């Protein structure tokens, strides 16, 4: 029984906390207050990371408390709430990821299949450019 709690609760929270400590200790996230584009990008990344941590903490901490309450009182509804919280966490994480501008752009490109439409557009442009000229034609084909 204890092994389940270690695997389900302690390892994920310990991992997130250790990543936060490593980022803080090594100075990977300097202040994003500057006026340079790199400083603004760093600030956006810091807020993005903070949002993901906020979602993780706001879901996992109540889930742990409700789970402990459920085990102590043997209430069935607690298990349902915990499973629901665990199911909501990835959805909220994706929503928070969509607040970052480059992630939003790439997801939009993925959903609209812009890679394929761009390939078709460049192929059509290439065909239009070569159809009126003698580029690529053999010398004996010319009048």
N, C-alpha and C. Protein backbone atom coordinates (compact mmCIF):
# COMPACT_ATOMS: atom_id res chain seq x y z
N UNK A 1 0.82 -1.19 0.00
CA UNK A 1 0.00 0.00 0.00
C UNK A 1 0.87 1.25 0.00
N UNK A 2 1.91 1.26 0.78
CA UNK A 2 2.81 2.41 0.84
C UNK A 2 3.52 2.61 -0.48
N UNK A 3 3.88 1.52 -1.13
CA UNK A 3 4.57 1.60 -2.42
C UNK A 3 3.72 2.34 -3.44
N UNK A 4 2.40 2.14 -3.41
CA UNK A 4 1.50 2.84 -4.33
C UNK A 4 1.57 4.34 -4.13
N UNK A 5 1.61 4.80 -2.87
CA UNK A 5 1.66 6.23 -2.60
C UNK A 5 2.99 6.83 -3.02
N UNK A 6 4.04 6.08 -2.84
CA UNK A 6 5.36 6.58 -3.25
C UNK A 6 5.40 6.76 -4.76
N UNK A 7 4.89 5.78 -5.49
CA UNK A 7 4.93 5.84 -6.94
C UNK A 7 3.97 6.89 -7.47
N UNK A 8 2.75 6.94 -6.95
CA UNK A 8 1.73 7.83 -7.49
C UNK A 8 1.90 9.28 -7.08
N UNK A 9 2.42 9.55 -5.90
CA UNK A 9 2.43 10.92 -5.41
C UNK A 9 3.83 11.48 -5.20
N UNK A 10 4.65 10.75 -4.54
CA UNK A 10 5.96 11.27 -4.18
C UNK A 10 6.87 11.45 -5.39
N UNK A 11 6.90 10.48 -6.27
CA UNK A 11 7.78 10.59 -7.43
C UNK A 11 7.44 11.76 -8.36
N UNK A 12 6.18 11.95 -8.76
CA UNK A 12 5.90 13.10 -9.63
C UNK A 12 6.16 14.44 -8.96
N UNK A 13 5.74 14.58 -7.73
CA UNK A 13 5.95 15.85 -7.04
C UNK A 13 7.44 16.06 -6.77
N UNK A 14 8.15 15.00 -6.41
CA UNK A 14 9.59 15.12 -6.21
C UNK A 14 10.32 15.50 -7.49
N UNK A 15 9.89 14.93 -8.61
CA UNK A 15 10.51 15.27 -9.89
C UNK A 15 10.30 16.73 -10.23
N UNK A 16 9.07 17.23 -10.10
CA UNK A 16 8.78 18.63 -10.41
C UNK A 16 9.58 19.55 -9.49
N UNK A 17 9.63 19.22 -8.22
CA UNK A 17 10.40 20.06 -7.29
C UNK A 17 11.88 20.03 -7.61
N UNK A 18 12.42 18.88 -7.96
CA UNK A 18 13.84 18.81 -8.30
C UNK A 18 14.16 19.58 -9.57
N UNK A 19 13.26 19.56 -10.56
CA UNK A 19 13.47 20.35 -11.77
C UNK A 19 13.45 21.84 -11.44
N UNK A 20 12.53 22.26 -10.59
CA UNK A 20 12.48 23.66 -10.18
C UNK A 20 13.77 24.08 -9.48
N UNK A 21 14.28 23.24 -8.61
CA UNK A 21 15.50 23.56 -7.89
C UNK A 21 16.69 23.64 -8.84
N UNK A 22 16.79 22.70 -9.78
CA UNK A 22 17.89 22.72 -10.75
C UNK A 22 17.83 23.98 -11.60
N UNK A 23 16.66 24.36 -12.06
CA UNK A 23 16.51 25.57 -12.88
C UNK A 23 16.90 26.81 -12.07
N UNK A 24 16.46 26.88 -10.83
CA UNK A 24 16.81 28.03 -10.00
C UNK A 24 18.30 28.04 -9.68
N UNK A 25 18.86 26.89 -9.29
CA UNK A 25 20.26 26.84 -8.87
C UNK A 25 21.22 27.15 -10.02
N UNK A 26 20.96 26.64 -11.21
CA UNK A 26 21.85 26.86 -12.34
C UNK A 26 21.58 28.18 -13.07
N UNK A 27 20.56 28.90 -12.68
CA UNK A 27 20.28 30.21 -13.27
C UNK A 27 19.77 30.13 -14.69
N UNK A 28 19.01 29.08 -15.00
CA UNK A 28 18.48 28.94 -16.36
C UNK A 28 17.40 29.96 -16.67
N UNK A 29 16.76 30.50 -15.67
CA UNK A 29 15.67 31.45 -15.87
C UNK A 29 16.04 32.80 -15.26
N UNK A 30 16.85 33.60 -15.98
CA UNK A 30 17.14 34.93 -15.46
C UNK A 30 15.89 35.79 -15.54
N UNK A 31 15.94 36.96 -14.92
CA UNK A 31 14.76 37.83 -14.92
C UNK A 31 14.42 38.23 -16.34
N UNK A 32 13.16 38.28 -16.64
CA UNK A 32 12.70 38.63 -17.97
C UNK A 32 12.24 40.07 -18.06
N UNK A 33 12.92 41.00 -17.37
CA UNK A 33 12.49 42.38 -17.32
C UNK A 33 13.10 43.24 -18.41
N UNK A 34 14.06 42.74 -19.15
CA UNK A 34 14.79 43.57 -20.10
C UNK A 34 13.98 43.93 -21.32
N UNK A 35 14.58 44.76 -22.17
CA UNK A 35 13.88 45.21 -23.36
C UNK A 35 14.30 44.44 -24.60
N UNK A 36 15.32 43.61 -24.47
CA UNK A 36 15.76 42.82 -25.61
C UNK A 36 14.78 41.70 -25.89
N UNK A 37 14.77 41.24 -27.13
CA UNK A 37 13.86 40.16 -27.51
C UNK A 37 14.16 38.89 -26.73
N UNK A 38 15.44 38.63 -26.47
CA UNK A 38 15.81 37.44 -25.70
C UNK A 38 15.28 37.53 -24.28
N UNK A 39 15.33 38.72 -23.68
CA UNK A 39 14.80 38.89 -22.32
C UNK A 39 13.29 38.68 -22.29
N UNK A 40 12.60 39.18 -23.30
CA UNK A 40 11.15 39.00 -23.35
C UNK A 40 10.79 37.53 -23.56
N UNK A 41 11.55 36.85 -24.41
CA UNK A 41 11.31 35.43 -24.63
C UNK A 41 11.57 34.64 -23.35
N UNK A 42 12.60 35.02 -22.62
CA UNK A 42 12.90 34.36 -21.35
C UNK A 42 11.79 34.59 -20.34
N UNK A 43 11.26 35.81 -20.31
CA UNK A 43 10.15 36.11 -19.42
C UNK A 43 8.91 35.31 -19.77
N UNK A 44 8.63 35.18 -21.08
CA UNK A 44 7.48 34.39 -21.51
C UNK A 44 7.67 32.93 -21.13
N UNK A 45 8.89 32.43 -21.28
CA UNK A 45 9.17 31.05 -20.90
C UNK A 45 9.01 30.84 -19.40
N UNK A 46 9.44 31.82 -18.61
CA UNK A 46 9.30 31.72 -17.16
C UNK A 46 7.83 31.68 -16.75
N UNK A 47 7.02 32.53 -17.35
CA UNK A 47 5.58 32.52 -17.04
C UNK A 47 4.92 31.22 -17.50
N UNK A 48 5.37 30.70 -18.63
CA UNK A 48 4.85 29.44 -19.13
C UNK A 48 5.17 28.32 -18.12
N UNK A 49 6.39 28.27 -17.67
CA UNK A 49 6.81 27.27 -16.70
C UNK A 49 6.02 27.42 -15.41
N UNK A 50 5.82 28.66 -14.97
CA UNK A 50 5.05 28.91 -13.75
C UNK A 50 3.61 28.43 -13.89
N UNK A 51 2.98 28.66 -15.04
CA UNK A 51 1.60 28.22 -15.24
C UNK A 51 1.49 26.70 -15.17
N UNK A 52 2.45 26.02 -15.80
CA UNK A 52 2.43 24.55 -15.76
C UNK A 52 2.59 24.06 -14.32
N UNK A 53 3.48 24.68 -13.57
CA UNK A 53 3.66 24.30 -12.17
C UNK A 53 2.42 24.61 -11.35
N UNK A 54 1.75 25.72 -11.63
CA UNK A 54 0.53 26.07 -10.90
C UNK A 54 -0.56 25.03 -11.15
N UNK A 55 -0.70 24.61 -12.40
CA UNK A 55 -1.70 23.58 -12.71
C UNK A 55 -1.33 22.28 -12.01
N UNK A 56 -0.07 21.91 -12.08
CA UNK A 56 0.37 20.67 -11.45
C UNK A 56 0.11 20.72 -9.94
N UNK A 57 0.49 21.81 -9.30
CA UNK A 57 0.29 21.94 -7.86
C UNK A 57 -1.16 22.03 -7.46
N UNK A 58 -1.97 22.74 -8.24
CA UNK A 58 -3.38 22.90 -7.88
C UNK A 58 -4.19 21.63 -8.10
N UNK A 59 -3.67 20.70 -8.87
CA UNK A 59 -4.36 19.43 -9.08
C UNK A 59 -3.81 18.35 -8.15
N UNK A 60 -2.50 18.23 -8.08
CA UNK A 60 -1.90 17.12 -7.33
C UNK A 60 -2.03 17.27 -5.82
N UNK A 61 -1.89 18.45 -5.31
CA UNK A 61 -1.98 18.62 -3.85
C UNK A 61 -3.39 18.29 -3.35
N UNK A 62 -4.46 18.85 -3.96
CA UNK A 62 -5.80 18.42 -3.50
C UNK A 62 -6.05 16.93 -3.72
N UNK A 63 -5.52 16.37 -4.81
CA UNK A 63 -5.72 14.94 -5.06
C UNK A 63 -5.06 14.10 -3.97
N UNK A 64 -3.90 14.51 -3.53
CA UNK A 64 -3.23 13.77 -2.45
C UNK A 64 -4.02 13.87 -1.15
N UNK A 65 -4.51 15.05 -0.85
CA UNK A 65 -5.28 15.25 0.39
C UNK A 65 -6.58 14.44 0.34
N UNK A 66 -7.28 14.51 -0.78
CA UNK A 66 -8.53 13.76 -0.92
C UNK A 66 -8.26 12.26 -0.89
N UNK A 67 -7.16 11.84 -1.50
CA UNK A 67 -6.81 10.42 -1.49
C UNK A 67 -6.51 9.93 -0.07
N UNK A 68 -5.79 10.72 0.68
CA UNK A 68 -5.51 10.33 2.07
C UNK A 68 -6.80 10.29 2.89
N UNK A 69 -7.67 11.25 2.66
CA UNK A 69 -8.97 11.25 3.34
C UNK A 69 -9.79 10.02 2.96
N UNK A 70 -9.76 9.67 1.68
CA UNK A 70 -10.51 8.52 1.19
C UNK A 70 -10.01 7.22 1.82
N UNK A 71 -8.71 7.08 1.93
CA UNK A 71 -8.14 5.87 2.53
C UNK A 71 -8.48 5.81 4.02
N UNK A 72 -8.43 6.97 4.71
CA UNK A 72 -8.69 6.97 6.14
C UNK A 72 -10.15 6.72 6.46
N UNK A 73 -11.06 7.24 5.65
CA UNK A 73 -12.48 7.12 5.96
C UNK A 73 -13.21 6.06 5.12
N UNK A 74 -12.52 5.49 4.15
CA UNK A 74 -13.08 4.48 3.27
C UNK A 74 -14.31 4.98 2.53
N UNK A 75 -14.26 6.22 2.08
CA UNK A 75 -15.34 6.80 1.26
C UNK A 75 -15.05 6.54 -0.20
N UNK A 76 -16.06 6.12 -0.94
CA UNK A 76 -15.87 5.79 -2.35
C UNK A 76 -15.79 7.05 -3.21
N UNK A 77 -16.54 8.08 -2.86
CA UNK A 77 -16.58 9.29 -3.69
C UNK A 77 -15.20 9.94 -3.81
N UNK A 78 -14.37 9.78 -2.83
CA UNK A 78 -13.03 10.38 -2.86
C UNK A 78 -12.19 9.83 -3.99
N UNK A 79 -12.29 8.53 -4.20
CA UNK A 79 -11.55 7.92 -5.30
C UNK A 79 -12.00 8.44 -6.65
N UNK A 80 -13.30 8.66 -6.79
CA UNK A 80 -13.83 9.22 -8.05
C UNK A 80 -13.32 10.63 -8.27
N UNK A 81 -13.29 11.42 -7.22
CA UNK A 81 -12.80 12.80 -7.34
C UNK A 81 -11.32 12.82 -7.68
N UNK A 82 -10.55 11.94 -7.08
CA UNK A 82 -9.11 11.88 -7.36
C UNK A 82 -8.87 11.50 -8.81
N UNK A 83 -9.58 10.50 -9.30
CA UNK A 83 -9.43 10.10 -10.70
C UNK A 83 -9.83 11.24 -11.62
N UNK A 84 -10.89 11.95 -11.28
CA UNK A 84 -11.33 13.09 -12.08
C UNK A 84 -10.27 14.19 -12.09
N UNK A 85 -9.67 14.46 -10.95
CA UNK A 85 -8.61 15.47 -10.89
C UNK A 85 -7.41 15.07 -11.74
N UNK A 86 -7.04 13.80 -11.67
CA UNK A 86 -5.92 13.33 -12.48
C UNK A 86 -6.24 13.40 -13.97
N UNK A 87 -7.50 13.24 -14.33
CA UNK A 87 -7.90 13.33 -15.74
C UNK A 87 -7.93 14.79 -16.21
N UNK A 88 -8.25 15.69 -15.33
CA UNK A 88 -8.33 17.12 -15.69
C UNK A 88 -6.94 17.74 -15.83
N UNK A 89 -5.96 17.24 -15.12
CA UNK A 89 -4.62 17.85 -15.12
C UNK A 89 -3.99 17.95 -16.50
N UNK A 90 -3.98 16.91 -17.34
CA UNK A 90 -3.38 17.09 -18.67
C UNK A 90 -4.16 18.06 -19.55
N UNK A 91 -5.48 18.11 -19.39
CA UNK A 91 -6.28 19.06 -20.16
C UNK A 91 -5.90 20.48 -19.79
N UNK A 92 -5.80 20.75 -18.51
CA UNK A 92 -5.40 22.10 -18.06
C UNK A 92 -3.97 22.41 -18.47
N UNK A 93 -3.10 21.43 -18.47
CA UNK A 93 -1.72 21.67 -18.89
C UNK A 93 -1.66 22.05 -20.37
N UNK A 94 -2.46 21.41 -21.19
CA UNK A 94 -2.51 21.77 -22.61
C UNK A 94 -3.07 23.18 -22.77
N UNK A 95 -4.10 23.51 -22.02
CA UNK A 95 -4.65 24.88 -22.09
C UNK A 95 -3.60 25.90 -21.68
N UNK A 96 -2.83 25.60 -20.67
CA UNK A 96 -1.78 26.52 -20.25
C UNK A 96 -0.67 26.59 -21.30
N UNK A 97 -0.38 25.49 -21.94
CA UNK A 97 0.64 25.49 -22.99
C UNK A 97 0.20 26.35 -24.15
N UNK A 98 -1.09 26.39 -24.42
CA UNK A 98 -1.61 27.18 -25.54
C UNK A 98 -1.51 28.69 -25.28
N UNK A 99 -1.20 29.10 -24.06
CA UNK A 99 -1.04 30.53 -23.80
C UNK A 99 0.31 31.04 -24.28
N UNK A 100 1.24 30.16 -24.57
CA UNK A 100 2.55 30.56 -25.08
C UNK A 100 2.43 30.78 -26.59
N UNK A 101 2.92 31.90 -27.08
CA UNK A 101 2.66 32.32 -28.45
C UNK A 101 3.21 31.34 -29.49
N UNK A 102 4.43 30.83 -29.30
CA UNK A 102 4.97 29.93 -30.32
C UNK A 102 4.27 28.56 -30.30
N UNK A 103 3.86 28.11 -29.14
CA UNK A 103 3.12 26.85 -29.06
C UNK A 103 1.78 27.01 -29.77
N UNK A 104 1.13 28.15 -29.56
CA UNK A 104 -0.14 28.41 -30.21
C UNK A 104 0.01 28.41 -31.73
N UNK A 105 1.09 29.00 -32.23
CA UNK A 105 1.34 29.06 -33.67
C UNK A 105 1.55 27.66 -34.24
N UNK A 106 2.37 26.85 -33.56
CA UNK A 106 2.67 25.51 -34.06
C UNK A 106 1.44 24.59 -34.00
N UNK A 107 0.63 24.72 -32.97
CA UNK A 107 -0.60 23.92 -32.90
C UNK A 107 -1.56 24.35 -34.00
N UNK A 108 -1.66 25.65 -34.26
CA UNK A 108 -2.50 26.12 -35.36
C UNK A 108 -2.01 25.58 -36.69
N UNK A 109 -0.70 25.60 -36.89
CA UNK A 109 -0.13 25.04 -38.12
C UNK A 109 -0.44 23.54 -38.24
N UNK A 110 -0.39 22.84 -37.12
CA UNK A 110 -0.68 21.41 -37.13
C UNK A 110 -2.14 21.14 -37.47
N UNK A 111 -3.03 21.87 -36.85
CA UNK A 111 -4.45 21.65 -37.06
C UNK A 111 -4.87 22.03 -38.48
N UNK A 112 -4.29 23.09 -39.03
CA UNK A 112 -4.67 23.52 -40.38
C UNK A 112 -3.87 22.83 -41.46
N UNK A 113 -2.97 21.93 -41.08
CA UNK A 113 -2.12 21.20 -42.03
C UNK A 113 -1.35 22.16 -42.94
N UNK A 114 -0.80 23.19 -42.36
CA UNK A 114 -0.12 24.23 -43.14
C UNK A 114 1.12 23.70 -43.85
N UNK A 115 1.73 22.66 -43.34
CA UNK A 115 2.91 22.10 -44.00
C UNK A 115 2.53 21.60 -45.40
N UNK A 116 1.41 20.87 -45.47
CA UNK A 116 0.99 20.32 -46.76
C UNK A 116 0.49 21.41 -47.70
N UNK A 117 -0.27 22.37 -47.15
CA UNK A 117 -0.77 23.43 -48.02
C UNK A 117 0.36 24.31 -48.51
N UNK A 118 1.39 24.50 -47.70
CA UNK A 118 2.56 25.27 -48.13
C UNK A 118 3.31 24.53 -49.22
N UNK A 119 3.44 23.22 -49.10
CA UNK A 119 4.10 22.43 -50.15
C UNK A 119 3.34 22.54 -51.46
N UNK A 120 2.00 22.46 -51.41
CA UNK A 120 1.20 22.58 -52.62
C UNK A 120 1.34 23.97 -53.23
N UNK A 121 1.34 24.99 -52.37
CA UNK A 121 1.48 26.36 -52.85
C UNK A 121 2.81 26.59 -53.53
N UNK A 122 3.90 26.07 -52.95
CA UNK A 122 5.22 26.25 -53.58
C UNK A 122 5.33 25.43 -54.86
N UNK A 123 4.70 24.27 -54.90
CA UNK A 123 4.73 23.46 -56.12
C UNK A 123 3.96 24.16 -57.24
N UNK A 124 2.81 24.77 -56.91
CA UNK A 124 2.03 25.50 -57.90
C UNK A 124 2.79 26.73 -58.40
N UNK A 125 3.47 27.41 -57.48
CA UNK A 125 4.25 28.58 -57.86
C UNK A 125 5.39 28.18 -58.78
N UNK A 126 6.05 27.08 -58.46
CA UNK A 126 7.14 26.60 -59.30
C UNK A 126 6.64 26.22 -60.68
N UNK A 127 5.47 25.60 -60.74
CA UNK A 127 4.89 25.20 -62.02
C UNK A 127 4.51 26.42 -62.86
N UNK A 128 3.95 27.45 -62.20
CA UNK A 128 3.60 28.67 -62.92
C UNK A 128 4.84 29.39 -63.44
N UNK A 129 5.90 29.39 -62.67
CA UNK A 129 7.13 30.07 -63.07
C UNK A 129 7.80 29.37 -64.24
N UNK A 130 7.72 28.08 -64.31
CA UNK A 130 8.42 27.34 -65.37
C UNK A 130 7.57 27.12 -66.60
N UNK A 131 6.25 27.30 -66.51
CA UNK A 131 5.39 27.00 -67.66
C UNK A 131 5.56 28.01 -68.80
N UNK A 132 5.83 29.25 -68.51
CA UNK A 132 5.95 30.25 -69.55
C UNK A 132 7.35 30.44 -70.06
N UNK A 133 8.30 29.75 -69.51
CA UNK A 133 9.69 29.96 -69.93
C UNK A 133 10.25 28.67 -70.51
N UNK A 134 11.46 28.75 -71.00
CA UNK A 134 12.12 27.59 -71.59
C UNK A 134 13.04 26.89 -70.60
N UNK A 135 12.89 27.21 -69.32
CA UNK A 135 13.75 26.60 -68.31
C UNK A 135 13.43 25.12 -68.23
N UNK A 136 14.43 24.31 -68.30
CA UNK A 136 14.25 22.88 -68.17
C UNK A 136 13.89 22.19 -69.47
N UNK A 137 13.71 22.94 -70.52
CA UNK A 137 13.39 22.27 -71.79
C UNK A 137 14.68 21.91 -72.52
N UNK A 138 14.60 20.90 -73.33
CA UNK A 138 15.78 20.46 -74.07
C UNK A 138 15.97 21.35 -75.30
N UNK A 139 17.18 21.50 -75.77
CA UNK A 139 17.45 22.42 -76.89
C UNK A 139 16.73 22.05 -78.16
N UNK A 140 16.53 20.78 -78.44
CA UNK A 140 15.88 20.42 -79.69
C UNK A 140 14.36 20.59 -79.65
N UNK A 141 13.78 20.86 -78.43
CA UNK A 141 12.36 21.10 -78.34
C UNK A 141 11.98 22.52 -78.72
N UNK A 142 12.95 23.43 -78.72
CA UNK A 142 12.66 24.82 -79.00
C UNK A 142 12.46 25.03 -80.49
N UNK A 143 11.54 25.92 -80.92
CA UNK A 143 11.30 26.19 -82.33
C UNK A 143 12.44 26.92 -83.02
